[in-house]
Each structure stands twice: as structure tokens, then as C-alpha cells.
PDB file of N, CA and C in Angstrom:
ATOM      1  N   UNK A   1       0.741  -1.183   0.026  1.00  0.00           N
ATOM      2  CA  UNK A   1       0.063  -0.063  -0.025  1.00  0.00           C
ATOM      3  C   UNK A   1       0.834   1.205   0.001  1.00  0.00           C
ATOM      4  N   UNK A   2       1.890   1.221   0.680  1.00  0.00           N
ATOM      5  CA  UNK A   2       2.897   2.331   0.809  1.00  0.00           C
ATOM      6  C   UNK A   2       3.342   2.741  -0.580  1.00  0.00           C
ATOM      7  N   UNK A   3       3.479   1.708  -1.424  1.00  0.00           N
ATOM      8  CA  UNK A   3       4.068   1.768  -2.721  1.00  0.00           C
ATOM      9  C   UNK A   3       3.137   2.760  -3.533  1.00  0.00           C
ATOM     10  N   UNK A   4       1.876   2.351  -3.491  1.00  0.00           N
ATOM     11  CA  UNK A   4       0.858   3.231  -4.217  1.00  0.00           C
ATOM     12  C   UNK A   4       0.847   4.674  -3.692  1.00  0.00           C
ATOM     13  N   UNK A   5       0.906   4.918  -2.502  1.00  0.00           N
ATOM     14  CA  UNK A   5       0.857   6.266  -1.946  1.00  0.00           C
ATOM     15  C   UNK A   5       2.171   6.998  -2.344  1.00  0.00           C
ATOM     16  N   UNK A   6       3.363   6.172  -2.201  1.00  0.00           N
ATOM     17  CA  UNK A   6       4.675   6.813  -2.689  1.00  0.00           C
ATOM     18  C   UNK A   6       4.611   7.184  -4.120  1.00  0.00           C
ATOM     19  N   UNK A   7       3.958   6.517  -4.897  1.00  0.00           N
ATOM     20  CA  UNK A   7       3.850   6.740  -6.368  1.00  0.00           C
ATOM     21  C   UNK A   7       2.921   7.943  -6.545  1.00  0.00           C
ATOM     22  N   UNK A   8       1.951   7.957  -5.740  1.00  0.00           N
ATOM     23  CA  UNK A   8       0.970   9.212  -5.917  1.00  0.00           C
ATOM     24  C   UNK A   8       1.628  10.486  -5.407  1.00  0.00           C
ATOM     25  N   UNK A   9       2.411  10.277  -4.249  1.00  0.00           N
ATOM     26  CA  UNK A   9       3.112  11.504  -3.832  1.00  0.00           C
ATOM     27  C   UNK A   9       4.138  12.087  -4.850  1.00  0.00           C
ATOM     28  N   UNK A  10       4.785  11.042  -5.560  1.00  0.00           N
ATOM     29  CA  UNK A  10       5.810  11.575  -6.579  1.00  0.00           C
ATOM     30  C   UNK A  10       5.126  12.181  -7.709  1.00  0.00           C
ATOM     31  N   UNK A  11       3.966  11.747  -8.146  1.00  0.00           N
ATOM     32  CA  UNK A  11       3.089  12.261  -9.208  1.00  0.00           C
ATOM     33  C   UNK A  11       2.665  13.674  -8.830  1.00  0.00           C
ATOM     34  N   UNK A  12       2.288  13.833  -7.566  1.00  0.00           N
ATOM     35  CA  UNK A  12       1.764  15.233  -7.139  1.00  0.00           C
ATOM     36  C   UNK A  12       2.968  16.129  -7.066  1.00  0.00           C
ATOM     37  N   UNK A  13       4.156  15.737  -6.636  1.00  0.00           N
ATOM     38  CA  UNK A  13       5.309  16.533  -6.524  1.00  0.00           C
ATOM     39  C   UNK A  13       5.786  16.948  -8.049  1.00  0.00           C
ATOM     40  N   UNK A  14       5.697  15.923  -8.862  1.00  0.00           N
ATOM     41  CA  UNK A  14       6.107  16.205 -10.298  1.00  0.00           C
ATOM     42  C   UNK A  14       5.141  17.358 -10.954  1.00  0.00           C
ATOM     43  N   UNK A  15       3.906  17.235 -10.730  1.00  0.00           N
ATOM     44  CA  UNK A  15       3.054  18.146 -11.268  1.00  0.00           C
ATOM     45  C   UNK A  15       3.174  19.454 -10.662  1.00  0.00           C
ATOM     46  N   UNK A  16       3.446  19.621  -9.451  1.00  0.00           N
ATOM     47  CA  UNK A  16       3.640  20.807  -8.676  1.00  0.00           C
ATOM     48  C   UNK A  16       4.974  21.464  -9.185  1.00  0.00           C
ATOM     49  N   UNK A  17       5.916  20.675  -9.518  1.00  0.00           N
ATOM     50  CA  UNK A  17       7.215  21.219 -10.042  1.00  0.00           C
ATOM     51  C   UNK A  17       6.996  21.848 -11.393  1.00  0.00           C
ATOM     52  N   UNK A  18       6.309  21.069 -12.215  1.00  0.00           N
ATOM     53  CA  UNK A  18       6.032  21.662 -13.571  1.00  0.00           C
ATOM     54  C   UNK A  18       5.188  22.954 -13.479  1.00  0.00           C
ATOM     55  N   UNK A  19       4.224  23.034 -12.592  1.00  0.00           N
ATOM     56  CA  UNK A  19       3.493  24.335 -12.401  1.00  0.00           C
ATOM     57  C   UNK A  19       4.551  25.397 -12.048  1.00  0.00           C
ATOM     58  N   UNK A  20       5.479  25.111 -11.228  1.00  0.00           N
ATOM     59  CA  UNK A  20       6.298  26.207 -10.761  1.00  0.00           C
ATOM     60  C   UNK A  20       7.463  26.480 -11.651  1.00  0.00           C
ATOM     61  N   UNK A  21       7.525  25.720 -12.694  1.00  0.00           N
ATOM     62  CA  UNK A  21       8.623  26.016 -13.768  1.00  0.00           C
ATOM     63  C   UNK A  21       8.382  27.180 -14.610  1.00  0.00           C
ATOM     64  N   UNK A  22       8.550  28.408 -14.081  1.00  0.00           N
ATOM     65  CA  UNK A  22       8.130  29.613 -14.875  1.00  0.00           C
ATOM     66  C   UNK A  22       9.212  29.614 -16.048  1.00  0.00           C
ATOM     67  N   UNK A  23      10.381  29.189 -15.942  1.00  0.00           N
ATOM     68  CA  UNK A  23      11.403  29.269 -17.153  1.00  0.00           C
ATOM     69  C   UNK A  23      10.868  28.475 -18.242  1.00  0.00           C
ATOM     70  N   UNK A  24      10.591  27.218 -17.994  1.00  0.00           N
ATOM     71  CA  UNK A  24      10.028  26.471 -19.073  1.00  0.00           C
ATOM     72  C   UNK A  24       8.739  27.042 -19.723  1.00  0.00           C
ATOM     73  N   UNK A  25       7.886  27.546 -18.868  1.00  0.00           N
ATOM     74  CA  UNK A  25       6.651  28.234 -19.319  1.00  0.00           C
ATOM     75  C   UNK A  25       7.010  29.354 -20.306  1.00  0.00           C
ATOM     76  N   UNK A  26       7.882  30.083 -19.920  1.00  0.00           N
ATOM     77  CA  UNK A  26       8.292  31.220 -20.656  1.00  0.00           C
ATOM     78  C   UNK A  26       9.058  30.828 -21.994  1.00  0.00           C
ATOM     79  N   UNK A  27       9.977  29.984 -21.879  1.00  0.00           N
ATOM     80  CA  UNK A  27      10.763  29.559 -22.931  1.00  0.00           C
ATOM     81  C   UNK A  27      10.234  28.632 -23.895  1.00  0.00           C
ATOM     82  N   UNK A  28       9.337  27.642 -23.479  1.00  0.00           N
ATOM     83  CA  UNK A  28       8.724  26.680 -24.239  1.00  0.00           C
ATOM     84  C   UNK A  28       7.246  26.362 -23.719  1.00  0.00           C
ATOM     85  N   UNK A  29       6.344  27.400 -24.078  1.00  0.00           N
ATOM     86  CA  UNK A  29       4.923  27.203 -23.646  1.00  0.00           C
ATOM     87  C   UNK A  29       4.394  25.921 -24.063  1.00  0.00           C
ATOM     88  N   UNK A  30       4.663  25.409 -25.196  1.00  0.00           N
ATOM     89  CA  UNK A  30       4.075  24.110 -25.722  1.00  0.00           C
ATOM     90  C   UNK A  30       4.705  23.001 -24.974  1.00  0.00           C
ATOM     91  N   UNK A  31       5.894  22.911 -24.748  1.00  0.00           N
ATOM     92  CA  UNK A  31       6.552  21.863 -23.875  1.00  0.00           C
ATOM     93  C   UNK A  31       6.020  21.986 -22.508  1.00  0.00           C
ATOM     94  N   UNK A  32       5.837  23.128 -21.964  1.00  0.00           N
ATOM     95  CA  UNK A  32       5.320  23.233 -20.492  1.00  0.00           C
ATOM     96  C   UNK A  32       3.878  22.637 -20.520  1.00  0.00           C
ATOM     97  N   UNK A  33       3.069  22.965 -21.477  1.00  0.00           N
ATOM     98  CA  UNK A  33       1.731  22.367 -21.453  1.00  0.00           C
ATOM     99  C   UNK A  33       1.779  20.893 -21.669  1.00  0.00           C
ATOM    100  N   UNK A  34       2.632  20.352 -22.469  1.00  0.00           N
ATOM    101  CA  UNK A  34       2.857  18.936 -22.736  1.00  0.00           C
ATOM    102  C   UNK A  34       3.100  18.293 -21.294  1.00  0.00           C
ATOM    103  N   UNK A  35       4.088  18.757 -20.619  1.00  0.00           N
ATOM    104  CA  UNK A  35       4.439  18.290 -19.283  1.00  0.00           C
ATOM    105  C   UNK A  35       3.302  18.394 -18.284  1.00  0.00           C
ATOM    106  N   UNK A  36       2.581  19.459 -18.283  1.00  0.00           N
ATOM    107  CA  UNK A  36       1.448  19.564 -17.391  1.00  0.00           C
ATOM    108  C   UNK A  36       0.423  18.476 -17.818  1.00  0.00           C
ATOM    109  N   UNK A  37       0.095  18.261 -19.031  1.00  0.00           N
ATOM    110  CA  UNK A  37      -0.874  17.340 -19.431  1.00  0.00           C
ATOM    111  C   UNK A  37      -0.380  15.900 -19.073  1.00  0.00           C
ATOM    112  N   UNK A  38       0.788  15.608 -19.199  1.00  0.00           N
ATOM    113  CA  UNK A  38       1.381  14.270 -18.858  1.00  0.00           C
ATOM    114  C   UNK A  38       1.330  14.112 -17.330  1.00  0.00           C
ATOM    115  N   UNK A  39       1.707  15.096 -16.572  1.00  0.00           N
ATOM    116  CA  UNK A  39       1.693  14.968 -15.135  1.00  0.00           C
ATOM    117  C   UNK A  39       0.149  14.858 -14.725  1.00  0.00           C
ATOM    118  N   UNK A  40      -0.729  15.483 -15.285  1.00  0.00           N
ATOM    119  CA  UNK A  40      -2.113  15.343 -14.875  1.00  0.00           C
ATOM    120  C   UNK A  40      -2.769  14.106 -15.222  1.00  0.00           C
ATOM    121  N   UNK A  41      -2.333  13.612 -16.415  1.00  0.00           N
ATOM    122  CA  UNK A  41      -2.873  12.181 -16.808  1.00  0.00           C
ATOM    123  C   UNK A  41      -2.348  11.116 -15.822  1.00  0.00           C
ATOM    124  N   UNK A  42      -1.190  11.313 -15.348  1.00  0.00           N
ATOM    125  CA  UNK A  42      -0.577  10.318 -14.416  1.00  0.00           C
ATOM    126  C   UNK A  42      -1.424  10.310 -13.086  1.00  0.00           C
ATOM    127  N   UNK A  43      -1.751  11.552 -12.606  1.00  0.00           N
ATOM    128  CA  UNK A  43      -2.504  11.700 -11.402  1.00  0.00           C
ATOM    129  C   UNK A  43      -3.917  11.116 -11.780  1.00  0.00           C
ATOM    130  N   UNK A  44      -4.494  11.388 -12.871  1.00  0.00           N
ATOM    131  CA  UNK A  44      -5.812  10.802 -13.163  1.00  0.00           C
ATOM    132  C   UNK A  44      -5.823   9.262 -13.109  1.00  0.00           C
ATOM    133  N   UNK A  45      -4.752   8.766 -13.667  1.00  0.00           N
ATOM    134  CA  UNK A  45      -4.634   7.247 -13.697  1.00  0.00           C
ATOM    135  C   UNK A  45      -4.626   6.752 -12.204  1.00  0.00           C
ATOM    136  N   UNK A  46      -3.829   7.413 -11.353  1.00  0.00           N
ATOM    137  CA  UNK A  46      -3.743   7.017 -10.036  1.00  0.00           C
ATOM    138  C   UNK A  46      -4.993   7.130  -9.230  1.00  0.00           C
ATOM    139  N   UNK A  47      -5.734   8.232  -9.441  1.00  0.00           N
ATOM    140  CA  UNK A  47      -6.987   8.431  -8.918  1.00  0.00           C
ATOM    141  C   UNK A  47      -7.881   7.245  -9.191  1.00  0.00           C
ATOM    142  N   UNK A  48      -7.923   6.739 -10.361  1.00  0.00           N
ATOM    143  CA  UNK A  48      -8.731   5.563 -10.730  1.00  0.00           C
ATOM    144  C   UNK A  48      -8.464   4.382  -9.943  1.00  0.00           C
ATOM    145  N   UNK A  49      -7.305   4.284  -9.384  1.00  0.00           N
ATOM    146  CA  UNK A  49      -6.816   3.142  -8.640  1.00  0.00           C
ATOM    147  C   UNK A  49      -6.775   3.469  -7.100  1.00  0.00           C
ATOM    148  N   UNK A  50      -7.407   4.452  -6.730  1.00  0.00           N
ATOM    149  CA  UNK A  50      -7.470   4.678  -5.258  1.00  0.00           C
ATOM    150  C   UNK A  50      -7.940   3.537  -4.503  1.00  0.00           C
ATOM    151  N   UNK A  51      -7.251   3.114  -3.470  1.00  0.00           N
ATOM    152  CA  UNK A  51      -7.736   1.984  -2.686  1.00  0.00           C
ATOM    153  C   UNK A  51      -9.130   2.213  -2.019  1.00  0.00           C
ATOM    154  N   UNK A  52      -9.838   1.259  -1.877  1.00  0.00           N
ATOM    155  CA  UNK A  52     -11.133   1.384  -1.365  1.00  0.00           C
ATOM    156  C   UNK A  52     -11.235   2.008  -0.034  1.00  0.00           C
ATOM    157  N   UNK A  53     -10.071   1.765   0.820  1.00  0.00           N
ATOM    158  CA  UNK A  53     -10.158   2.231   2.147  1.00  0.00           C
ATOM    159  C   UNK A  53      -9.454   3.635   2.274  1.00  0.00           C
ATOM    160  N   UNK A  54      -9.332   4.400   1.118  1.00  0.00           N
ATOM    161  CA  UNK A  54      -8.642   5.665   1.080  1.00  0.00           C
ATOM    162  C   UNK A  54      -9.435   6.649   1.893  1.00  0.00           C
ATOM    163  N   UNK A  55      -8.866   7.540   2.688  1.00  0.00           N
ATOM    164  CA  UNK A  55      -9.569   8.492   3.398  1.00  0.00           C
ATOM    165  C   UNK A  55     -10.328   9.361   2.499  1.00  0.00           C
ATOM    166  N   UNK A  56     -11.634   9.683   2.661  1.00  0.00           N
ATOM    167  CA  UNK A  56     -12.389  10.488   1.842  1.00  0.00           C
ATOM    168  C   UNK A  56     -11.813  11.907   1.670  1.00  0.00           C
ATOM    169  N   UNK A  57     -11.100  12.371   2.520  1.00  0.00           N
ATOM    170  CA  UNK A  57     -10.554  13.742   2.411  1.00  0.00           C
ATOM    171  C   UNK A  57      -9.562  13.758   1.292  1.00  0.00           C
ATOM    172  N   UNK A  58      -8.696  12.665   1.169  1.00  0.00           N
ATOM    173  CA  UNK A  58      -7.768  12.608   0.087  1.00  0.00           C
ATOM    174  C   UNK A  58      -8.420  12.696  -1.207  1.00  0.00           C
ATOM    175  N   UNK A  59      -9.564  11.731  -1.292  1.00  0.00           N
ATOM    176  CA  UNK A  59     -10.222  11.784  -2.538  1.00  0.00           C
ATOM    177  C   UNK A  59     -10.918  13.172  -2.940  1.00  0.00           C
ATOM    178  N   UNK A  60     -11.404  13.859  -1.903  1.00  0.00           N
ATOM    179  CA  UNK A  60     -11.816  15.200  -2.149  1.00  0.00           C
ATOM    180  C   UNK A  60     -10.690  16.112  -2.760  1.00  0.00           C
ATOM    181  N   UNK A  61      -9.607  16.136  -2.094  1.00  0.00           N
ATOM    182  CA  UNK A  61      -8.515  16.968  -2.644  1.00  0.00           C
ATOM    183  C   UNK A  61      -8.083  16.663  -3.977  1.00  0.00           C
ATOM    184  N   UNK A  62      -8.055  15.282  -4.301  1.00  0.00           N
ATOM    185  CA  UNK A  62      -7.726  14.862  -5.741  1.00  0.00           C
ATOM    186  C   UNK A  62      -8.813  15.449  -6.696  1.00  0.00           C
ATOM    187  N   UNK A  63      -9.995  15.085  -6.266  1.00  0.00           N
ATOM    188  CA  UNK A  63     -11.128  15.585  -7.172  1.00  0.00           C
ATOM    189  C   UNK A  63     -11.136  17.102  -7.504  1.00  0.00           C
ATOM    190  N   UNK A  64     -10.711  17.893  -6.369  1.00  0.00           N
ATOM    191  CA  UNK A  64     -10.657  19.311  -6.566  1.00  0.00           C
ATOM    192  C   UNK A  64      -9.388  19.804  -7.182  1.00  0.00           C
ATOM    193  N   UNK A  65      -8.430  18.862  -7.348  1.00  0.00           N
ATOM    194  CA  UNK A  65      -7.066  19.140  -7.780  1.00  0.00           C
ATOM    195  C   UNK A  65      -6.388  20.099  -6.854  1.00  0.00           C
ATOM    196  N   UNK A  66      -6.574  20.035  -5.687  1.00  0.00           N
ATOM    197  CA  UNK A  66      -5.909  20.595  -4.604  1.00  0.00           C
ATOM    198  C   UNK A  66      -4.659  19.864  -4.313  1.00  0.00           C
ATOM    199  N   UNK A  67      -3.675  20.055  -5.176  1.00  0.00           N
ATOM    200  CA  UNK A  67      -2.463  19.237  -5.238  1.00  0.00           C
ATOM    201  C   UNK A  67      -1.566  19.348  -3.871  1.00  0.00           C
ATOM    202  N   UNK A  68      -1.327  20.466  -3.619  1.00  0.00           N
ATOM    203  CA  UNK A  68      -0.566  20.779  -2.382  1.00  0.00           C
ATOM    204  C   UNK A  68      -1.194  20.172  -1.207  1.00  0.00           C
ATOM    205  N   UNK A  69      -2.476  20.235  -1.034  1.00  0.00           N
ATOM    206  CA  UNK A  69      -3.216  19.660   0.110  1.00  0.00           C
ATOM    207  C   UNK A  69      -3.172  18.146   0.089  1.00  0.00           C
ATOM    208  N   UNK A  70      -3.337  17.594  -1.218  1.00  0.00           N
ATOM    209  CA  UNK A  70      -3.341  16.069  -1.384  1.00  0.00           C
ATOM    210  C   UNK A  70      -1.929  15.582  -0.965  1.00  0.00           C
ATOM    211  N   UNK A  71      -0.946  16.153  -1.486  1.00  0.00           N
ATOM    212  CA  UNK A  71       0.418  15.752  -1.237  1.00  0.00           C
ATOM    213  C   UNK A  71       0.686  15.829   0.319  1.00  0.00           C
ATOM    214  N   UNK A  72       0.297  16.928   0.967  1.00  0.00           N
ATOM    215  CA  UNK A  72       0.612  17.007   2.344  1.00  0.00           C
ATOM    216  C   UNK A  72      -0.260  15.880   3.136  1.00  0.00           C
ATOM    217  N   UNK A  73      -1.417  15.648   2.781  1.00  0.00           N
ATOM    218  CA  UNK A  73      -2.264  14.616   3.356  1.00  0.00           C
ATOM    219  C   UNK A  73      -1.644  13.284   3.170  1.00  0.00           C
ATOM    220  N   UNK A  74      -1.166  12.902   1.937  1.00  0.00           N
ATOM    221  CA  UNK A  74      -0.455  11.642   1.728  1.00  0.00           C
ATOM    222  C   UNK A  74       0.690  11.561   2.549  1.00  0.00           C
ATOM    223  N   UNK A  75       1.546  12.567   2.616  1.00  0.00           N
ATOM    224  CA  UNK A  75       2.725  12.459   3.460  1.00  0.00           C
ATOM    225  C   UNK A  75       2.499  12.321   4.911  1.00  0.00           C
ATOM    226  N   UNK A  76       1.424  12.977   5.358  1.00  0.00           N
ATOM    227  CA  UNK A  76       1.175  12.882   6.803  1.00  0.00           C
ATOM    228  C   UNK A  76       0.418  11.718   7.219  1.00  0.00           C
ATOM    229  N   UNK A  77      -0.421  11.152   6.297  1.00  0.00           N
ATOM    230  CA  UNK A  77      -1.318  10.061   6.714  1.00  0.00           C
ATOM    231  C   UNK A  77      -0.810   8.534   6.207  1.00  0.00           C
ATOM    232  N   UNK A  78      -0.078   8.591   5.049  1.00  0.00           N
ATOM    233  CA  UNK A  78       0.280   7.348   4.577  1.00  0.00           C
ATOM    234  C   UNK A  78       1.711   7.101   4.370  1.00  0.00           C
ATOM    235  N   UNK A  79       2.597   8.026   4.442  1.00  0.00           N
ATOM    236  CA  UNK A  79       3.972   7.830   4.316  1.00  0.00           C
ATOM    237  C   UNK A  79       4.901   8.133   5.457  1.00  0.00           C
ATOM    238  N   UNK A  80       4.287   7.930   6.673  1.00  0.00           N
ATOM    239  CA  UNK A  80       5.059   8.319   7.902  1.00  0.00           C
ATOM    240  C   UNK A  80       6.187   7.358   8.174  1.00  0.00           C
TER     241      UNK A  80
END
């Protein structure tokens, strides 16, 4: 189970890093959008595989794309 949440945390961190990459956004907007789309698709794939006993709050954060909150939740509740 920790493997799933570790993978989810990495996917969330990756997308947050792409969002924060203003240099890529300015120098290569198309590449930036491509990376955003890839990171978002990975999170969507993982959302489909959420374990049935996942805390509803995490599902809520993922549904609302509250990525920082979702990452914090995963780190505090599943990856201690």
C-alpha cells in the first residue's frame, strides 16, 4: 500500500514542479503544456486506482485538484 501512496506523492510533486517551472513556461509554452498534461494524466490514472479504504478527504483533494493539500495529506497519513 505504501508503494501506491509513494507513487501518488511523486506524481503530485512532479506536477507541482511543472506548475512552478516559470522558465519552461516562458521559454517553451508548448513543452510546458505537454508536461502539465502528462503529469495530470498520471494523477488521473492513480485516482482511478485509489484503494477502497482511502480517506475520503484525500479523494476530495484529488477531485478538486488541490495538489498541495493532497500531497501534504499523503505525506502525513500514509508515508510516515
